[in-house]
Amino acid sequence: MIGDVVYKNSRFLWDFPVVDDTPLPQSENESRPFPRFARWCEQQVARPGASIVALIFIGLWFVAGPFYGWSSDWQLIINTTSSVITLVMVFMIQNTQRRDTQAIQLKLDELIRVDSEARNELISLEAKPETAVAEIRSAFDEMRETVEEDESDRGCR
């Protein structure tokens, strides 16, 4: 089942859960309109043309002001339109960033899993409590300091 935890044989002393990375069938990907729409919008907004469209919108807003006498209705329409666009874009960008981050984390977890010299406690580090992350960070800081000391000792000789 998609999303279930699967135990695979590994070359390590223990087995640990690995997410089933079987791709979704094409029909399931196509039946979910919001992720497709969010990805499409993200790709469109990332293009230079989107900035040009935004500048044109601002220019039209500025030019339309005198025609409406800088009225409250004119300001309300512009503010409401820009607020709605901003709110929708925030949710779409958040959706695509979340999916990208999950994909990157899974790829990194796989690289850690297959490397015999890697620390397996780093797998799914983002899901561990802050104290565990702080302990691992301090261990890496100690390693960094040791490497820097070794390099400075070699440089002084």
N, C-alpha and C. Protein backbone atom coordinates (compact mmCIF):
# COMPACT_ATOMS: atom_id res chain seq x y z
N MET A 1 0.85 -1.17 0.00
CA MET A 1 0.00 0.00 0.00
C MET A 1 0.90 1.23 0.00
N ILE A 2 0.51 2.25 -0.70
CA ILE A 2 1.29 3.47 -0.81
C ILE A 2 1.32 4.17 0.55
N GLY A 3 2.54 4.57 0.97
CA GLY A 3 2.68 5.26 2.24
C GLY A 3 2.92 4.33 3.42
N ASP A 4 2.76 3.01 3.21
CA ASP A 4 3.01 2.07 4.29
C ASP A 4 4.51 1.93 4.49
N VAL A 5 4.89 1.53 5.68
CA VAL A 5 6.29 1.30 5.98
C VAL A 5 6.62 -0.13 5.58
N VAL A 6 7.73 -0.30 4.89
CA VAL A 6 8.15 -1.61 4.42
C VAL A 6 9.51 -1.88 5.03
N TYR A 7 9.75 -3.12 5.44
CA TYR A 7 11.05 -3.50 5.95
C TYR A 7 11.80 -4.22 4.85
N LYS A 8 12.94 -3.67 4.46
CA LYS A 8 13.76 -4.29 3.42
C LYS A 8 15.02 -4.85 4.06
N ASN A 9 15.54 -5.88 3.48
CA ASN A 9 16.82 -6.40 3.96
C ASN A 9 17.90 -5.40 3.62
N SER A 10 18.80 -5.22 4.54
CA SER A 10 19.88 -4.28 4.29
C SER A 10 21.19 -4.93 4.68
N ARG A 11 22.26 -4.28 4.37
CA ARG A 11 23.57 -4.82 4.71
C ARG A 11 24.01 -4.38 6.10
N PHE A 12 23.11 -3.75 6.85
CA PHE A 12 23.43 -3.32 8.20
C PHE A 12 23.05 -4.41 9.19
N LEU A 13 23.39 -4.22 10.43
CA LEU A 13 23.11 -5.22 11.46
C LEU A 13 21.63 -5.31 11.81
N TRP A 14 20.88 -4.29 11.47
CA TRP A 14 19.46 -4.28 11.78
C TRP A 14 18.67 -3.81 10.56
N ASP A 15 17.38 -4.13 10.59
CA ASP A 15 16.50 -3.62 9.54
C ASP A 15 15.80 -2.40 10.09
N PHE A 16 15.52 -1.46 9.23
CA PHE A 16 14.80 -0.27 9.66
C PHE A 16 13.77 0.06 8.59
N PRO A 17 12.72 0.78 8.98
CA PRO A 17 11.65 1.05 8.02
C PRO A 17 12.11 1.97 6.90
N VAL A 18 11.66 1.67 5.72
CA VAL A 18 11.91 2.48 4.54
C VAL A 18 10.56 2.76 3.90
N VAL A 19 10.35 3.99 3.52
CA VAL A 19 9.07 4.35 2.90
C VAL A 19 8.97 3.66 1.55
N ASP A 20 7.80 3.12 1.28
CA ASP A 20 7.56 2.50 -0.03
C ASP A 20 7.57 3.60 -1.08
N ASP A 21 8.60 3.55 -1.96
CA ASP A 21 8.75 4.62 -2.94
C ASP A 21 8.20 4.25 -4.31
N THR A 22 7.25 3.34 -4.33
CA THR A 22 6.62 2.98 -5.59
C THR A 22 5.87 4.20 -6.11
N PRO A 23 6.12 4.59 -7.37
CA PRO A 23 5.42 5.77 -7.88
C PRO A 23 3.92 5.54 -7.98
N LEU A 24 3.19 6.61 -7.78
CA LEU A 24 1.74 6.52 -7.91
C LEU A 24 1.38 6.23 -9.36
N PRO A 25 0.36 5.42 -9.57
CA PRO A 25 -0.09 5.23 -10.95
C PRO A 25 -0.50 6.57 -11.55
N GLN A 26 -0.35 6.69 -12.86
CA GLN A 26 -0.64 7.94 -13.54
C GLN A 26 -2.05 8.43 -13.27
N SER A 27 -3.01 7.51 -13.17
CA SER A 27 -4.39 7.92 -12.95
C SER A 27 -4.56 8.60 -11.59
N GLU A 28 -3.82 8.14 -10.56
CA GLU A 28 -3.93 8.78 -9.25
C GLU A 28 -3.31 10.17 -9.26
N ASN A 29 -2.20 10.35 -9.99
CA ASN A 29 -1.59 11.67 -10.10
C ASN A 29 -2.51 12.63 -10.83
N GLU A 30 -3.19 12.15 -11.86
CA GLU A 30 -4.05 13.01 -12.65
C GLU A 30 -5.34 13.35 -11.92
N SER A 31 -5.75 12.52 -10.96
CA SER A 31 -7.02 12.76 -10.27
C SER A 31 -6.88 13.79 -9.15
N ARG A 32 -5.69 14.25 -8.88
CA ARG A 32 -5.48 15.24 -7.82
C ARG A 32 -5.19 16.59 -8.45
N PRO A 33 -6.22 17.43 -8.60
CA PRO A 33 -6.04 18.68 -9.36
C PRO A 33 -5.21 19.73 -8.63
N PHE A 34 -5.34 19.84 -7.31
CA PHE A 34 -4.63 20.95 -6.64
C PHE A 34 -3.12 20.83 -6.76
N PRO A 35 -2.52 19.64 -6.49
CA PRO A 35 -1.06 19.57 -6.65
C PRO A 35 -0.59 19.89 -8.08
N ARG A 36 -1.35 19.43 -9.08
CA ARG A 36 -0.98 19.74 -10.46
C ARG A 36 -1.10 21.24 -10.72
N PHE A 37 -2.19 21.84 -10.24
CA PHE A 37 -2.41 23.27 -10.43
C PHE A 37 -1.33 24.08 -9.70
N ALA A 38 -1.00 23.66 -8.47
CA ALA A 38 0.02 24.36 -7.69
C ALA A 38 1.37 24.29 -8.38
N ARG A 39 1.72 23.11 -8.90
CA ARG A 39 3.01 22.96 -9.60
C ARG A 39 3.02 23.83 -10.86
N TRP A 40 1.92 23.85 -11.61
CA TRP A 40 1.84 24.66 -12.82
C TRP A 40 1.99 26.15 -12.47
N CYS A 41 1.29 26.59 -11.44
CA CYS A 41 1.38 28.00 -11.03
C CYS A 41 2.79 28.34 -10.57
N GLU A 42 3.41 27.44 -9.83
CA GLU A 42 4.77 27.67 -9.37
C GLU A 42 5.71 27.86 -10.56
N GLN A 43 5.55 27.03 -11.58
CA GLN A 43 6.40 27.14 -12.77
C GLN A 43 6.14 28.43 -13.52
N GLN A 44 4.89 28.87 -13.57
CA GLN A 44 4.56 30.10 -14.29
C GLN A 44 5.06 31.33 -13.53
N VAL A 45 4.90 31.33 -12.22
CA VAL A 45 5.30 32.49 -11.41
C VAL A 45 6.81 32.63 -11.36
N ALA A 46 7.53 31.54 -11.55
CA ALA A 46 8.99 31.58 -11.50
C ALA A 46 9.60 32.17 -12.78
N ARG A 47 8.79 32.38 -13.78
CA ARG A 47 9.29 32.92 -15.05
C ARG A 47 9.38 34.45 -14.99
N PRO A 48 10.27 35.03 -15.79
CA PRO A 48 10.38 36.49 -15.81
C PRO A 48 9.09 37.18 -16.25
N GLY A 49 8.31 36.53 -17.07
CA GLY A 49 7.06 37.12 -17.52
C GLY A 49 6.10 37.42 -16.39
N ALA A 50 6.16 36.65 -15.32
CA ALA A 50 5.29 36.89 -14.17
C ALA A 50 5.61 38.24 -13.52
N SER A 51 6.88 38.57 -13.46
CA SER A 51 7.26 39.88 -12.91
C SER A 51 6.77 41.01 -13.80
N ILE A 52 6.83 40.78 -15.09
CA ILE A 52 6.34 41.80 -16.03
C ILE A 52 4.83 41.98 -15.88
N VAL A 53 4.11 40.87 -15.72
CA VAL A 53 2.66 40.95 -15.53
C VAL A 53 2.35 41.71 -14.23
N ALA A 54 3.11 41.44 -13.18
CA ALA A 54 2.90 42.15 -11.91
C ALA A 54 3.15 43.65 -12.08
N LEU A 55 4.20 44.00 -12.80
CA LEU A 55 4.49 45.43 -13.04
C LEU A 55 3.39 46.07 -13.88
N ILE A 56 2.87 45.35 -14.87
CA ILE A 56 1.76 45.88 -15.68
C ILE A 56 0.53 46.09 -14.80
N PHE A 57 0.26 45.13 -13.91
CA PHE A 57 -0.87 45.25 -12.99
C PHE A 57 -0.73 46.49 -12.12
N ILE A 58 0.47 46.71 -11.60
CA ILE A 58 0.72 47.90 -10.77
C ILE A 58 0.55 49.17 -11.60
N GLY A 59 1.06 49.15 -12.85
CA GLY A 59 0.90 50.30 -13.72
C GLY A 59 -0.56 50.61 -14.03
N LEU A 60 -1.33 49.56 -14.31
CA LEU A 60 -2.77 49.76 -14.57
C LEU A 60 -3.48 50.29 -13.33
N TRP A 61 -3.07 49.79 -12.19
CA TRP A 61 -3.66 50.26 -10.93
C TRP A 61 -3.38 51.75 -10.75
N PHE A 62 -2.16 52.14 -11.02
CA PHE A 62 -1.78 53.54 -10.85
C PHE A 62 -2.49 54.43 -11.87
N VAL A 63 -2.58 53.96 -13.11
CA VAL A 63 -3.23 54.75 -14.17
C VAL A 63 -4.73 54.85 -13.92
N ALA A 64 -5.33 53.79 -13.38
CA ALA A 64 -6.78 53.77 -13.16
C ALA A 64 -7.19 54.68 -12.01
N GLY A 65 -6.27 55.00 -11.13
CA GLY A 65 -6.60 55.83 -9.97
C GLY A 65 -7.28 57.14 -10.30
N PRO A 66 -6.71 57.95 -11.19
CA PRO A 66 -7.35 59.23 -11.51
C PRO A 66 -8.73 59.08 -12.16
N PHE A 67 -8.93 58.00 -12.94
CA PHE A 67 -10.24 57.78 -13.58
C PHE A 67 -11.33 57.53 -12.55
N TYR A 68 -10.94 56.94 -11.44
CA TYR A 68 -11.91 56.66 -10.38
C TYR A 68 -11.83 57.69 -9.26
N GLY A 69 -11.04 58.71 -9.46
CA GLY A 69 -10.93 59.80 -8.48
C GLY A 69 -10.28 59.34 -7.18
N TRP A 70 -9.41 58.33 -7.28
CA TRP A 70 -8.73 57.79 -6.10
C TRP A 70 -9.75 57.43 -5.02
N SER A 71 -10.89 56.93 -5.42
CA SER A 71 -12.00 56.66 -4.50
C SER A 71 -11.72 55.46 -3.59
N SER A 72 -12.55 55.35 -2.56
CA SER A 72 -12.46 54.23 -1.64
C SER A 72 -12.79 52.91 -2.34
N ASP A 73 -13.75 52.95 -3.27
CA ASP A 73 -14.11 51.74 -4.01
C ASP A 73 -12.92 51.24 -4.84
N TRP A 74 -12.22 52.18 -5.48
CA TRP A 74 -11.06 51.83 -6.28
C TRP A 74 -10.00 51.17 -5.39
N GLN A 75 -9.74 51.76 -4.23
CA GLN A 75 -8.76 51.20 -3.31
C GLN A 75 -9.20 49.85 -2.77
N LEU A 76 -10.49 49.70 -2.48
CA LEU A 76 -11.00 48.44 -1.97
C LEU A 76 -10.84 47.32 -2.99
N ILE A 77 -11.16 47.59 -4.24
CA ILE A 77 -11.04 46.57 -5.29
C ILE A 77 -9.58 46.15 -5.46
N ILE A 78 -8.69 47.11 -5.52
CA ILE A 78 -7.27 46.81 -5.70
C ILE A 78 -6.73 46.06 -4.49
N ASN A 79 -7.02 46.51 -3.29
CA ASN A 79 -6.51 45.84 -2.09
C ASN A 79 -7.07 44.43 -1.95
N THR A 80 -8.34 44.26 -2.24
CA THR A 80 -8.95 42.93 -2.14
C THR A 80 -8.34 41.99 -3.18
N THR A 81 -8.20 42.46 -4.40
CA THR A 81 -7.63 41.63 -5.46
C THR A 81 -6.20 41.21 -5.12
N SER A 82 -5.40 42.15 -4.71
CA SER A 82 -4.00 41.80 -4.39
C SER A 82 -3.91 40.90 -3.16
N SER A 83 -4.79 41.09 -2.19
CA SER A 83 -4.78 40.22 -1.00
C SER A 83 -5.18 38.79 -1.35
N VAL A 84 -6.19 38.64 -2.18
CA VAL A 84 -6.62 37.30 -2.57
C VAL A 84 -5.54 36.60 -3.37
N ILE A 85 -4.94 37.31 -4.33
CA ILE A 85 -3.86 36.71 -5.12
C ILE A 85 -2.70 36.30 -4.22
N THR A 86 -2.32 37.16 -3.29
CA THR A 86 -1.23 36.86 -2.38
C THR A 86 -1.54 35.64 -1.52
N LEU A 87 -2.74 35.57 -0.97
CA LEU A 87 -3.11 34.45 -0.12
C LEU A 87 -3.08 33.13 -0.89
N VAL A 88 -3.64 33.12 -2.08
CA VAL A 88 -3.65 31.90 -2.89
C VAL A 88 -2.22 31.49 -3.26
N MET A 89 -1.39 32.44 -3.62
CA MET A 89 -0.01 32.13 -3.98
C MET A 89 0.77 31.58 -2.79
N VAL A 90 0.52 32.08 -1.60
CA VAL A 90 1.20 31.56 -0.42
C VAL A 90 0.88 30.08 -0.23
N PHE A 91 -0.38 29.71 -0.36
CA PHE A 91 -0.76 28.31 -0.19
C PHE A 91 -0.19 27.44 -1.30
N MET A 92 -0.19 27.92 -2.52
CA MET A 92 0.35 27.11 -3.62
C MET A 92 1.86 26.94 -3.48
N ILE A 93 2.56 28.00 -3.13
CA ILE A 93 4.01 27.90 -2.95
C ILE A 93 4.34 26.99 -1.78
N GLN A 94 3.59 27.09 -0.70
CA GLN A 94 3.82 26.23 0.45
C GLN A 94 3.62 24.76 0.08
N ASN A 95 2.60 24.48 -0.71
CA ASN A 95 2.33 23.11 -1.14
C ASN A 95 3.49 22.55 -1.96
N THR A 96 3.97 23.31 -2.91
CA THR A 96 5.05 22.81 -3.76
C THR A 96 6.36 22.71 -2.99
N GLN A 97 6.63 23.64 -2.08
CA GLN A 97 7.85 23.56 -1.28
C GLN A 97 7.82 22.36 -0.35
N ARG A 98 6.66 22.07 0.22
CA ARG A 98 6.53 20.91 1.10
C ARG A 98 6.83 19.63 0.33
N ARG A 99 6.27 19.50 -0.86
CA ARG A 99 6.51 18.29 -1.65
C ARG A 99 7.97 18.20 -2.07
N ASP A 100 8.58 19.32 -2.47
CA ASP A 100 9.99 19.30 -2.84
C ASP A 100 10.87 18.92 -1.66
N THR A 101 10.57 19.48 -0.49
CA THR A 101 11.34 19.16 0.71
C THR A 101 11.21 17.69 1.07
N GLN A 102 10.03 17.14 0.99
CA GLN A 102 9.84 15.72 1.28
C GLN A 102 10.64 14.86 0.30
N ALA A 103 10.62 15.21 -0.96
CA ALA A 103 11.36 14.45 -1.96
C ALA A 103 12.86 14.50 -1.68
N ILE A 104 13.37 15.67 -1.34
CA ILE A 104 14.80 15.82 -1.03
C ILE A 104 15.16 15.00 0.20
N GLN A 105 14.32 15.06 1.24
CA GLN A 105 14.60 14.30 2.46
C GLN A 105 14.63 12.80 2.17
N LEU A 106 13.70 12.32 1.37
CA LEU A 106 13.69 10.89 1.04
C LEU A 106 14.94 10.50 0.24
N LYS A 107 15.36 11.35 -0.66
CA LYS A 107 16.58 11.06 -1.42
C LYS A 107 17.80 11.04 -0.51
N LEU A 108 17.87 11.99 0.41
CA LEU A 108 19.00 12.01 1.36
C LEU A 108 18.96 10.79 2.27
N ASP A 109 17.78 10.41 2.73
CA ASP A 109 17.65 9.21 3.57
C ASP A 109 18.14 7.98 2.82
N GLU A 110 17.82 7.89 1.55
CA GLU A 110 18.27 6.75 0.75
C GLU A 110 19.78 6.74 0.60
N LEU A 111 20.38 7.91 0.39
CA LEU A 111 21.84 7.99 0.29
C LEU A 111 22.50 7.59 1.60
N ILE A 112 21.94 8.01 2.71
CA ILE A 112 22.48 7.64 4.02
C ILE A 112 22.35 6.13 4.21
N ARG A 113 21.21 5.58 3.82
CA ARG A 113 20.96 4.16 4.02
C ARG A 113 21.94 3.29 3.25
N VAL A 114 22.30 3.67 2.04
CA VAL A 114 23.16 2.81 1.21
C VAL A 114 24.64 3.01 1.48
N ASP A 115 25.02 4.07 2.16
CA ASP A 115 26.43 4.31 2.45
C ASP A 115 26.79 3.66 3.77
N SER A 116 27.70 2.69 3.72
CA SER A 116 28.04 1.93 4.93
C SER A 116 28.75 2.78 5.98
N GLU A 117 29.38 3.88 5.57
CA GLU A 117 30.08 4.73 6.53
C GLU A 117 29.20 5.85 7.08
N ALA A 118 28.01 6.00 6.55
CA ALA A 118 27.12 7.08 7.01
C ALA A 118 26.51 6.72 8.36
N ARG A 119 26.15 7.75 9.08
CA ARG A 119 25.48 7.56 10.38
C ARG A 119 24.00 7.34 10.14
N ASN A 120 23.52 6.17 10.48
CA ASN A 120 22.13 5.84 10.23
C ASN A 120 21.17 6.63 11.10
N GLU A 121 21.65 7.21 12.19
CA GLU A 121 20.76 8.01 13.02
C GLU A 121 20.36 9.33 12.33
N LEU A 122 21.02 9.64 11.22
CA LEU A 122 20.65 10.84 10.47
C LEU A 122 19.42 10.62 9.60
N ILE A 123 19.02 9.37 9.41
CA ILE A 123 17.83 9.10 8.60
C ILE A 123 16.62 9.68 9.33
N SER A 124 15.83 10.43 8.62
CA SER A 124 14.63 11.10 9.15
C SER A 124 14.96 12.01 10.32
N LEU A 125 16.10 12.67 10.25
CA LEU A 125 16.51 13.60 11.30
C LEU A 125 15.50 14.72 11.49
N GLU A 126 14.85 15.13 10.39
CA GLU A 126 13.89 16.23 10.48
C GLU A 126 12.68 15.86 11.32
N ALA A 127 12.42 14.57 11.56
CA ALA A 127 11.27 14.14 12.34
C ALA A 127 11.62 13.89 13.80
N LYS A 128 12.89 13.99 14.15
CA LYS A 128 13.33 13.72 15.52
C LYS A 128 13.15 14.95 16.39
N PRO A 129 13.07 14.75 17.72
CA PRO A 129 12.91 15.90 18.62
C PRO A 129 14.15 16.81 18.59
N GLU A 130 13.94 18.05 19.01
CA GLU A 130 15.01 19.04 18.99
C GLU A 130 16.23 18.60 19.81
N THR A 131 16.00 17.89 20.91
CA THR A 131 17.13 17.45 21.72
C THR A 131 18.03 16.49 20.95
N ALA A 132 17.43 15.58 20.18
CA ALA A 132 18.22 14.65 19.38
C ALA A 132 19.00 15.39 18.30
N VAL A 133 18.36 16.37 17.68
CA VAL A 133 19.03 17.17 16.65
C VAL A 133 20.18 17.95 17.27
N ALA A 134 19.97 18.50 18.44
CA ALA A 134 21.03 19.27 19.12
C ALA A 134 22.21 18.37 19.48
N GLU A 135 21.95 17.15 19.92
CA GLU A 135 23.03 16.22 20.24
C GLU A 135 23.85 15.89 19.00
N ILE A 136 23.19 15.62 17.91
CA ILE A 136 23.89 15.30 16.67
C ILE A 136 24.67 16.52 16.17
N ARG A 137 24.07 17.69 16.29
CA ARG A 137 24.75 18.92 15.88
C ARG A 137 26.01 19.13 16.72
N SER A 138 25.93 18.90 18.01
CA SER A 138 27.12 19.09 18.86
C SER A 138 28.19 18.06 18.51
N ALA A 139 27.79 16.82 18.18
CA ALA A 139 28.76 15.82 17.77
C ALA A 139 29.48 16.25 16.49
N PHE A 140 28.73 16.82 15.56
CA PHE A 140 29.35 17.30 14.32
C PHE A 140 30.23 18.52 14.58
N ASP A 141 29.84 19.37 15.51
CA ASP A 141 30.69 20.50 15.87
C ASP A 141 32.02 20.03 16.45
N GLU A 142 31.95 19.00 17.29
CA GLU A 142 33.19 18.44 17.86
C GLU A 142 34.06 17.84 16.76
N MET A 143 33.44 17.13 15.81
CA MET A 143 34.22 16.57 14.71
C MET A 143 34.87 17.67 13.88
N ARG A 144 34.12 18.74 13.63
CA ARG A 144 34.65 19.85 12.85
C ARG A 144 35.85 20.47 13.56
N GLU A 145 35.73 20.67 14.87
CA GLU A 145 36.83 21.25 15.63
C GLU A 145 38.06 20.35 15.61
N THR A 146 37.84 19.04 15.69
CA THR A 146 38.95 18.09 15.63
C THR A 146 39.64 18.16 14.28
N VAL A 147 38.86 18.21 13.21
CA VAL A 147 39.44 18.29 11.87
C VAL A 147 40.20 19.60 11.70
N GLU A 148 39.65 20.70 12.20
CA GLU A 148 40.34 21.99 12.09
C GLU A 148 41.65 21.98 12.87
N GLU A 149 41.65 21.35 14.05
CA GLU A 149 42.88 21.25 14.84
C GLU A 149 43.92 20.41 14.12
N ASP A 150 43.48 19.29 13.53
CA ASP A 150 44.41 18.43 12.79
C ASP A 150 44.99 19.18 11.60
N GLU A 151 44.16 19.94 10.89
CA GLU A 151 44.64 20.70 9.74
C GLU A 151 45.61 21.79 10.17
N SER A 152 45.33 22.44 11.30
CA SER A 152 46.25 23.50 11.76
C SER A 152 47.57 22.90 12.25
N ASP A 153 47.52 21.71 12.85
CA ASP A 153 48.75 21.04 13.29
C ASP A 153 49.62 20.66 12.08
N ARG A 154 48.98 20.20 11.03
CA ARG A 154 49.72 19.83 9.81
C ARG A 154 50.29 21.08 9.14
N GLY A 155 49.56 22.18 9.20
CA GLY A 155 50.03 23.42 8.55
C GLY A 155 51.18 24.05 9.29
N CYS A 156 51.29 23.82 10.60
CA CYS A 156 52.37 24.43 11.40
C CYS A 156 53.68 23.70 11.22
N ARG A 157 53.65 22.46 10.80
CA ARG A 157 54.89 21.68 10.69
C ARG A 157 55.71 22.05 9.54
